[in-house]
Amino acid sequence: MIRVEAPSGNDPAAARAAWGVRDALAGMGVPAERVLVMAYDAPDPRAPVLAGFETLRAHVPNCAAVGGSGQIGYSNQPTSDFGCAVTANLAAQIANPRDIVAPRGMDAPDMGRRSKVFDTYRAGQRTAAPQEELVDGQVSRAVD
């Protein structure tokens, strides 16, 4: 969402400017339902019109710069360096940080595959993939 905020106070110039920004964004291809025009409390009705959007990014901490004693503490609180490497690895791997906030929607199930598995099960056959045989103590021959 892009928020366009006009100062409250019923100033016609501010209202025209806010709706003008909305129209300009629509002219650039932003869908109208993605632009929210609203008022904000300003000390002056002639305050500026604000436009912006929220963004979210994963912060990769510098674990070398995090000072931690590494000693056992009896306060039952984590130390400042506790889990820093795990947090840094997660932050570096996450493509969309919004996945941390809420899960993505699920796709529709594959009914054809589901029917195939049920038919195989009803026929008394195994539904799992065949397990590889151990050869020379290795599970797979794909890697030497």
N, C-alpha and C. Protein backbone atom coordinates (compact mmCIF):
# COMPACT_ATOMS: atom_id res chain seq x y z
N MET A 1 0.84 -1.19 0.00
CA MET A 1 0.00 0.00 0.00
C MET A 1 0.88 1.24 0.00
N ILE A 2 0.45 2.22 -0.77
CA ILE A 2 1.08 3.54 -0.73
C ILE A 2 0.12 4.46 0.00
N ARG A 3 0.63 5.10 1.05
CA ARG A 3 -0.22 5.99 1.84
C ARG A 3 0.07 7.43 1.45
N VAL A 4 -0.99 8.16 1.13
CA VAL A 4 -0.90 9.59 0.87
C VAL A 4 -1.61 10.25 2.04
N GLU A 5 -0.88 11.05 2.81
CA GLU A 5 -1.43 11.67 4.01
C GLU A 5 -1.49 13.17 3.85
N ALA A 6 -2.68 13.71 4.03
CA ALA A 6 -2.89 15.16 3.97
C ALA A 6 -3.14 15.65 5.38
N PRO A 7 -2.73 16.89 5.68
CA PRO A 7 -2.98 17.41 7.02
C PRO A 7 -4.47 17.58 7.27
N SER A 8 -4.90 17.22 8.48
CA SER A 8 -6.31 17.41 8.81
C SER A 8 -6.58 18.90 8.98
N GLY A 9 -7.80 19.30 8.82
CA GLY A 9 -8.15 20.71 8.97
C GLY A 9 -8.98 21.25 7.81
N ASN A 10 -9.34 20.40 6.88
CA ASN A 10 -10.21 20.78 5.76
C ASN A 10 -9.66 21.91 4.91
N ASP A 11 -8.36 21.89 4.66
CA ASP A 11 -7.77 22.88 3.75
C ASP A 11 -7.96 22.37 2.32
N PRO A 12 -8.66 23.13 1.47
CA PRO A 12 -8.91 22.65 0.10
C PRO A 12 -7.64 22.43 -0.71
N ALA A 13 -6.61 23.24 -0.48
CA ALA A 13 -5.36 23.08 -1.23
C ALA A 13 -4.67 21.77 -0.87
N ALA A 14 -4.67 21.43 0.42
CA ALA A 14 -4.06 20.17 0.85
C ALA A 14 -4.84 18.98 0.31
N ALA A 15 -6.17 19.08 0.32
CA ALA A 15 -6.99 17.99 -0.20
C ALA A 15 -6.75 17.80 -1.69
N ARG A 16 -6.69 18.92 -2.44
CA ARG A 16 -6.42 18.83 -3.89
C ARG A 16 -5.05 18.20 -4.14
N ALA A 17 -4.06 18.59 -3.32
CA ALA A 17 -2.71 18.06 -3.50
C ALA A 17 -2.69 16.55 -3.22
N ALA A 18 -3.37 16.11 -2.16
CA ALA A 18 -3.39 14.68 -1.83
C ALA A 18 -4.05 13.87 -2.93
N TRP A 19 -5.20 14.33 -3.40
CA TRP A 19 -5.88 13.60 -4.47
C TRP A 19 -5.13 13.71 -5.79
N GLY A 20 -4.38 14.80 -5.96
CA GLY A 20 -3.53 14.93 -7.15
C GLY A 20 -2.40 13.91 -7.14
N VAL A 21 -1.83 13.68 -5.96
CA VAL A 21 -0.78 12.65 -5.84
C VAL A 21 -1.36 11.28 -6.16
N ARG A 22 -2.57 11.01 -5.65
CA ARG A 22 -3.23 9.74 -5.94
C ARG A 22 -3.44 9.57 -7.43
N ASP A 23 -3.92 10.63 -8.10
CA ASP A 23 -4.16 10.55 -9.54
C ASP A 23 -2.85 10.38 -10.31
N ALA A 24 -1.79 11.04 -9.85
CA ALA A 24 -0.49 10.90 -10.52
C ALA A 24 0.03 9.47 -10.39
N LEU A 25 -0.14 8.89 -9.21
CA LEU A 25 0.28 7.50 -9.02
C LEU A 25 -0.53 6.56 -9.92
N ALA A 26 -1.83 6.81 -10.02
CA ALA A 26 -2.67 5.99 -10.89
C ALA A 26 -2.23 6.15 -12.34
N GLY A 27 -1.82 7.36 -12.73
CA GLY A 27 -1.33 7.60 -14.08
C GLY A 27 -0.03 6.87 -14.37
N MET A 28 0.73 6.56 -13.32
CA MET A 28 1.98 5.82 -13.48
C MET A 28 1.77 4.31 -13.43
N GLY A 29 0.51 3.88 -13.26
CA GLY A 29 0.22 2.46 -13.28
C GLY A 29 -0.04 1.82 -11.93
N VAL A 30 -0.03 2.60 -10.86
CA VAL A 30 -0.32 2.03 -9.54
C VAL A 30 -1.83 1.81 -9.44
N PRO A 31 -2.29 0.60 -9.15
CA PRO A 31 -3.73 0.36 -9.04
C PRO A 31 -4.36 1.24 -7.95
N ALA A 32 -5.52 1.76 -8.21
CA ALA A 32 -6.18 2.68 -7.28
C ALA A 32 -6.43 2.04 -5.92
N GLU A 33 -6.69 0.74 -5.88
CA GLU A 33 -6.94 0.09 -4.59
C GLU A 33 -5.68 -0.07 -3.76
N ARG A 34 -4.51 0.22 -4.34
CA ARG A 34 -3.24 0.13 -3.60
C ARG A 34 -2.81 1.49 -3.05
N VAL A 35 -3.62 2.53 -3.27
CA VAL A 35 -3.30 3.87 -2.77
C VAL A 35 -4.34 4.25 -1.73
N LEU A 36 -3.88 4.59 -0.54
CA LEU A 36 -4.75 4.95 0.56
C LEU A 36 -4.54 6.42 0.88
N VAL A 37 -5.61 7.22 0.73
CA VAL A 37 -5.55 8.65 1.05
C VAL A 37 -6.16 8.82 2.42
N MET A 38 -5.41 9.47 3.32
CA MET A 38 -5.88 9.65 4.69
C MET A 38 -5.36 10.96 5.26
N ALA A 39 -5.88 11.33 6.42
CA ALA A 39 -5.47 12.57 7.09
C ALA A 39 -4.54 12.24 8.24
N TYR A 40 -3.68 13.21 8.55
CA TYR A 40 -2.83 13.07 9.74
C TYR A 40 -2.93 14.35 10.56
N ASP A 41 -2.72 14.22 11.86
CA ASP A 41 -2.77 15.39 12.74
C ASP A 41 -1.54 16.23 12.52
N ALA A 42 -1.76 17.45 12.06
CA ALA A 42 -0.66 18.37 11.80
C ALA A 42 -0.91 19.66 12.58
N PRO A 43 0.13 20.36 12.97
CA PRO A 43 -0.07 21.61 13.71
C PRO A 43 -0.67 22.71 12.85
N ASP A 44 -0.54 22.58 11.53
CA ASP A 44 -1.03 23.61 10.61
C ASP A 44 -1.76 22.91 9.47
N PRO A 45 -2.96 23.41 9.09
CA PRO A 45 -3.67 22.79 7.97
C PRO A 45 -2.93 22.92 6.64
N ARG A 46 -1.92 23.80 6.59
CA ARG A 46 -1.12 23.97 5.36
C ARG A 46 0.19 23.17 5.43
N ALA A 47 0.24 22.18 6.31
CA ALA A 47 1.43 21.32 6.41
C ALA A 47 1.57 20.52 5.12
N PRO A 48 2.72 19.95 4.88
CA PRO A 48 2.93 19.22 3.62
C PRO A 48 2.10 17.94 3.52
N VAL A 49 1.85 17.56 2.28
CA VAL A 49 1.21 16.28 2.00
C VAL A 49 2.34 15.24 1.95
N LEU A 50 2.13 14.14 2.65
CA LEU A 50 3.15 13.10 2.75
C LEU A 50 2.73 11.88 1.94
N ALA A 51 3.67 11.23 1.30
CA ALA A 51 3.41 10.00 0.56
C ALA A 51 4.54 9.03 0.86
N GLY A 52 4.17 7.77 1.07
CA GLY A 52 5.20 6.78 1.36
C GLY A 52 4.61 5.39 1.46
N PHE A 53 5.47 4.45 1.72
CA PHE A 53 5.06 3.06 1.88
C PHE A 53 5.97 2.41 2.90
N GLU A 54 5.48 1.35 3.50
CA GLU A 54 6.27 0.61 4.48
C GLU A 54 7.11 -0.43 3.75
N THR A 55 8.28 -0.64 4.27
CA THR A 55 9.14 -1.67 3.72
C THR A 55 9.68 -2.51 4.88
N LEU A 56 10.10 -3.67 4.56
CA LEU A 56 10.60 -4.59 5.57
C LEU A 56 11.82 -5.27 5.01
N ARG A 57 12.88 -5.31 5.79
CA ARG A 57 14.08 -6.01 5.34
C ARG A 57 14.70 -6.74 6.51
N ALA A 58 15.35 -7.83 6.20
CA ALA A 58 16.03 -8.60 7.23
C ALA A 58 17.37 -7.96 7.52
N HIS A 59 17.69 -7.78 8.77
CA HIS A 59 18.96 -7.18 9.18
C HIS A 59 19.96 -8.29 9.48
N VAL A 60 21.11 -8.24 8.81
CA VAL A 60 22.16 -9.22 9.04
C VAL A 60 23.12 -8.63 10.06
N PRO A 61 23.12 -9.17 11.28
CA PRO A 61 24.01 -8.60 12.30
C PRO A 61 25.47 -8.96 12.04
N ASN A 62 26.36 -8.10 12.50
CA ASN A 62 27.80 -8.36 12.42
C ASN A 62 28.19 -9.06 13.72
N CYS A 63 28.26 -10.37 13.70
CA CYS A 63 28.50 -11.14 14.92
C CYS A 63 29.89 -10.88 15.51
N ALA A 64 30.85 -10.50 14.67
CA ALA A 64 32.19 -10.23 15.18
C ALA A 64 32.20 -8.97 16.04
N ALA A 65 31.31 -8.04 15.73
CA ALA A 65 31.26 -6.78 16.48
C ALA A 65 30.38 -6.86 17.72
N VAL A 66 29.57 -7.92 17.82
CA VAL A 66 28.70 -8.07 18.98
C VAL A 66 29.54 -8.52 20.15
N GLY A 67 29.56 -7.70 21.19
CA GLY A 67 30.36 -8.04 22.37
C GLY A 67 29.61 -8.98 23.28
N GLY A 68 30.18 -10.12 23.53
CA GLY A 68 29.57 -11.07 24.45
C GLY A 68 30.66 -11.75 25.24
N SER A 69 30.41 -11.98 26.45
CA SER A 69 31.44 -12.59 27.29
C SER A 69 31.56 -14.08 27.04
N GLY A 70 30.47 -14.70 26.61
CA GLY A 70 30.50 -16.13 26.39
C GLY A 70 30.54 -16.93 27.68
N GLN A 71 30.43 -16.23 28.80
CA GLN A 71 30.44 -16.92 30.09
C GLN A 71 29.02 -17.18 30.55
N ILE A 72 28.89 -18.14 31.40
CA ILE A 72 27.59 -18.51 31.93
C ILE A 72 27.11 -17.41 32.87
N GLY A 73 25.88 -17.01 32.68
CA GLY A 73 25.27 -16.04 33.57
C GLY A 73 24.10 -16.69 34.28
N TYR A 74 23.81 -16.22 35.45
CA TYR A 74 22.75 -16.83 36.24
C TYR A 74 21.50 -15.96 36.29
N SER A 75 21.35 -15.06 35.33
CA SER A 75 20.19 -14.16 35.33
C SER A 75 19.03 -14.74 34.52
N ASN A 76 19.23 -15.88 33.88
CA ASN A 76 18.21 -16.52 33.05
C ASN A 76 17.84 -15.67 31.85
N GLN A 77 18.73 -14.80 31.42
CA GLN A 77 18.55 -13.96 30.24
C GLN A 77 19.60 -14.35 29.21
N PRO A 78 19.25 -14.32 27.91
CA PRO A 78 20.26 -14.67 26.91
C PRO A 78 21.34 -13.60 26.83
N THR A 79 22.54 -14.02 26.49
CA THR A 79 23.63 -13.07 26.31
C THR A 79 23.46 -12.37 24.98
N SER A 80 24.18 -11.26 24.81
CA SER A 80 24.01 -10.47 23.59
C SER A 80 24.46 -11.22 22.34
N ASP A 81 25.38 -12.16 22.49
CA ASP A 81 25.86 -12.90 21.32
C ASP A 81 25.16 -14.25 21.14
N PHE A 82 24.15 -14.54 21.95
CA PHE A 82 23.46 -15.82 21.87
C PHE A 82 22.65 -15.91 20.57
N GLY A 83 22.97 -16.87 19.73
CA GLY A 83 22.25 -17.09 18.49
C GLY A 83 22.56 -16.12 17.37
N CYS A 84 23.62 -15.34 17.51
CA CYS A 84 23.93 -14.34 16.50
C CYS A 84 24.21 -14.98 15.14
N ALA A 85 24.96 -16.06 15.10
CA ALA A 85 25.29 -16.70 13.83
C ALA A 85 24.05 -17.28 13.17
N VAL A 86 23.15 -17.85 13.97
CA VAL A 86 21.91 -18.41 13.41
C VAL A 86 21.06 -17.29 12.84
N THR A 87 20.94 -16.20 13.59
CA THR A 87 20.16 -15.05 13.12
C THR A 87 20.76 -14.48 11.84
N ALA A 88 22.08 -14.35 11.79
CA ALA A 88 22.74 -13.82 10.60
C ALA A 88 22.52 -14.73 9.39
N ASN A 89 22.61 -16.04 9.59
CA ASN A 89 22.39 -16.97 8.49
C ASN A 89 20.96 -16.90 7.97
N LEU A 90 19.98 -16.86 8.87
CA LEU A 90 18.58 -16.74 8.45
C LEU A 90 18.34 -15.45 7.68
N ALA A 91 18.84 -14.35 8.21
CA ALA A 91 18.63 -13.05 7.56
C ALA A 91 19.26 -13.02 6.17
N ALA A 92 20.41 -13.67 6.01
CA ALA A 92 21.08 -13.68 4.72
C ALA A 92 20.36 -14.56 3.70
N GLN A 93 19.60 -15.57 4.15
CA GLN A 93 18.96 -16.51 3.25
C GLN A 93 17.52 -16.15 2.88
N ILE A 94 16.90 -15.28 3.64
CA ILE A 94 15.49 -15.01 3.44
C ILE A 94 15.29 -14.08 2.25
N ALA A 95 14.57 -14.56 1.26
CA ALA A 95 14.32 -13.76 0.06
C ALA A 95 13.25 -12.70 0.32
N ASN A 96 12.22 -13.07 1.07
CA ASN A 96 11.12 -12.14 1.35
C ASN A 96 10.94 -12.07 2.86
N PRO A 97 11.40 -10.99 3.51
CA PRO A 97 11.30 -10.91 4.97
C PRO A 97 9.87 -10.97 5.50
N ARG A 98 8.88 -10.72 4.67
CA ARG A 98 7.49 -10.82 5.12
C ARG A 98 7.12 -12.26 5.46
N ASP A 99 7.90 -13.23 4.98
CA ASP A 99 7.65 -14.63 5.32
C ASP A 99 7.86 -14.89 6.81
N ILE A 100 8.65 -14.04 7.47
CA ILE A 100 8.86 -14.19 8.90
C ILE A 100 7.62 -13.71 9.66
N VAL A 101 6.99 -12.66 9.15
CA VAL A 101 5.85 -12.06 9.82
C VAL A 101 4.61 -12.94 9.71
N ALA A 102 4.36 -13.45 8.52
CA ALA A 102 3.18 -14.29 8.30
C ALA A 102 3.48 -15.27 7.16
N PRO A 103 2.93 -16.46 7.21
CA PRO A 103 3.20 -17.42 6.15
C PRO A 103 2.49 -17.03 4.85
N ARG A 104 3.02 -17.50 3.76
CA ARG A 104 2.39 -17.27 2.46
C ARG A 104 1.15 -18.15 2.33
N GLY A 105 0.27 -17.74 1.45
CA GLY A 105 -0.92 -18.54 1.18
C GLY A 105 -0.54 -19.84 0.47
N MET A 106 -1.33 -20.84 0.67
CA MET A 106 -1.05 -22.13 0.05
C MET A 106 -1.72 -22.24 -1.31
N ASP A 107 -1.07 -22.94 -2.21
CA ASP A 107 -1.67 -23.22 -3.52
C ASP A 107 -2.73 -24.30 -3.36
N ALA A 108 -3.56 -24.41 -4.36
CA ALA A 108 -4.58 -25.46 -4.35
C ALA A 108 -3.90 -26.83 -4.40
N PRO A 109 -4.47 -27.84 -3.75
CA PRO A 109 -3.85 -29.17 -3.77
C PRO A 109 -3.90 -29.79 -5.16
N ASP A 110 -2.96 -30.67 -5.43
CA ASP A 110 -2.90 -31.39 -6.70
C ASP A 110 -3.81 -32.61 -6.60
N MET A 111 -5.04 -32.47 -7.04
CA MET A 111 -6.02 -33.54 -6.90
C MET A 111 -5.68 -34.76 -7.75
N GLY A 112 -5.04 -34.55 -8.90
CA GLY A 112 -4.63 -35.68 -9.73
C GLY A 112 -3.61 -36.55 -9.02
N ARG A 113 -2.63 -35.92 -8.40
CA ARG A 113 -1.61 -36.68 -7.67
C ARG A 113 -2.23 -37.36 -6.46
N ARG A 114 -3.11 -36.67 -5.77
CA ARG A 114 -3.77 -37.25 -4.60
C ARG A 114 -4.57 -38.50 -4.99
N SER A 115 -5.30 -38.41 -6.10
CA SER A 115 -6.08 -39.55 -6.57
C SER A 115 -5.17 -40.73 -6.92
N LYS A 116 -4.03 -40.44 -7.55
CA LYS A 116 -3.09 -41.49 -7.92
C LYS A 116 -2.56 -42.21 -6.68
N VAL A 117 -2.22 -41.46 -5.64
CA VAL A 117 -1.70 -42.06 -4.41
C VAL A 117 -2.78 -42.91 -3.74
N PHE A 118 -4.02 -42.39 -3.68
CA PHE A 118 -5.10 -43.17 -3.08
C PHE A 118 -5.38 -44.44 -3.87
N ASP A 119 -5.38 -44.36 -5.19
CA ASP A 119 -5.62 -45.55 -6.00
C ASP A 119 -4.52 -46.59 -5.78
N THR A 120 -3.28 -46.13 -5.69
CA THR A 120 -2.16 -47.05 -5.44
C THR A 120 -2.31 -47.69 -4.07
N TYR A 121 -2.70 -46.91 -3.07
CA TYR A 121 -2.89 -47.42 -1.71
C TYR A 121 -4.02 -48.45 -1.68
N ARG A 122 -5.13 -48.14 -2.34
CA ARG A 122 -6.28 -49.06 -2.35
C ARG A 122 -5.95 -50.37 -3.07
N ALA A 123 -5.01 -50.30 -4.02
CA ALA A 123 -4.60 -51.51 -4.73
C ALA A 123 -3.61 -52.35 -3.92
N GLY A 124 -3.25 -51.86 -2.74
CA GLY A 124 -2.34 -52.61 -1.87
C GLY A 124 -0.88 -52.42 -2.21
N GLN A 125 -0.56 -51.44 -3.00
CA GLN A 125 0.83 -51.19 -3.39
C GLN A 125 1.43 -50.11 -2.49
N ARG A 126 2.75 -50.05 -2.49
CA ARG A 126 3.45 -49.02 -1.70
C ARG A 126 3.26 -47.66 -2.34
N THR A 127 3.01 -46.65 -1.52
CA THR A 127 2.83 -45.30 -2.04
C THR A 127 4.10 -44.47 -1.93
N ALA A 128 5.09 -44.95 -1.18
CA ALA A 128 6.35 -44.22 -1.02
C ALA A 128 7.30 -44.57 -2.16
N ALA A 129 8.27 -43.70 -2.36
CA ALA A 129 9.30 -43.97 -3.36
C ALA A 129 10.16 -45.13 -2.87
N PRO A 130 10.70 -45.92 -3.79
CA PRO A 130 11.55 -47.03 -3.35
C PRO A 130 12.82 -46.50 -2.68
N GLN A 131 13.24 -47.20 -1.63
CA GLN A 131 14.41 -46.79 -0.89
C GLN A 131 15.65 -47.34 -1.57
N GLU A 132 16.70 -46.51 -1.62
CA GLU A 132 17.95 -46.94 -2.24
C GLU A 132 18.64 -47.99 -1.38
N GLU A 133 19.29 -48.89 -2.05
CA GLU A 133 20.05 -49.93 -1.35
C GLU A 133 21.42 -49.36 -0.97
N LEU A 134 21.94 -49.81 0.17
CA LEU A 134 23.28 -49.41 0.58
C LEU A 134 24.31 -50.15 -0.28
N VAL A 135 25.21 -49.40 -0.87
CA VAL A 135 26.29 -49.98 -1.67
C VAL A 135 27.59 -49.48 -1.06
N ASP A 136 28.40 -50.39 -0.58
CA ASP A 136 29.67 -50.05 0.05
C ASP A 136 29.49 -49.07 1.21
N GLY A 137 28.41 -49.22 1.93
CA GLY A 137 28.18 -48.37 3.10
C GLY A 137 27.67 -46.98 2.77
N GLN A 138 27.41 -46.72 1.47
CA GLN A 138 26.91 -45.40 1.07
C GLN A 138 25.45 -45.52 0.67
N VAL A 139 24.70 -44.48 0.98
CA VAL A 139 23.27 -44.48 0.62
C VAL A 139 23.10 -44.20 -0.85
N SER A 140 23.92 -43.33 -1.42
CA SER A 140 23.75 -42.94 -2.81
C SER A 140 25.05 -43.06 -3.57
N ARG A 141 24.95 -43.30 -4.85
CA ARG A 141 26.12 -43.32 -5.71
C ARG A 141 26.27 -42.00 -6.47
N ALA A 142 25.44 -41.03 -6.13
CA ALA A 142 25.48 -39.76 -6.86
C ALA A 142 26.74 -38.96 -6.54
N VAL A 143 27.28 -39.14 -5.34
CA VAL A 143 28.47 -38.39 -4.92
C VAL A 143 29.54 -39.40 -4.55
N ASP A 144 30.75 -39.20 -5.05
CA ASP A 144 31.86 -40.10 -4.70
C ASP A 144 32.37 -39.79 -3.33
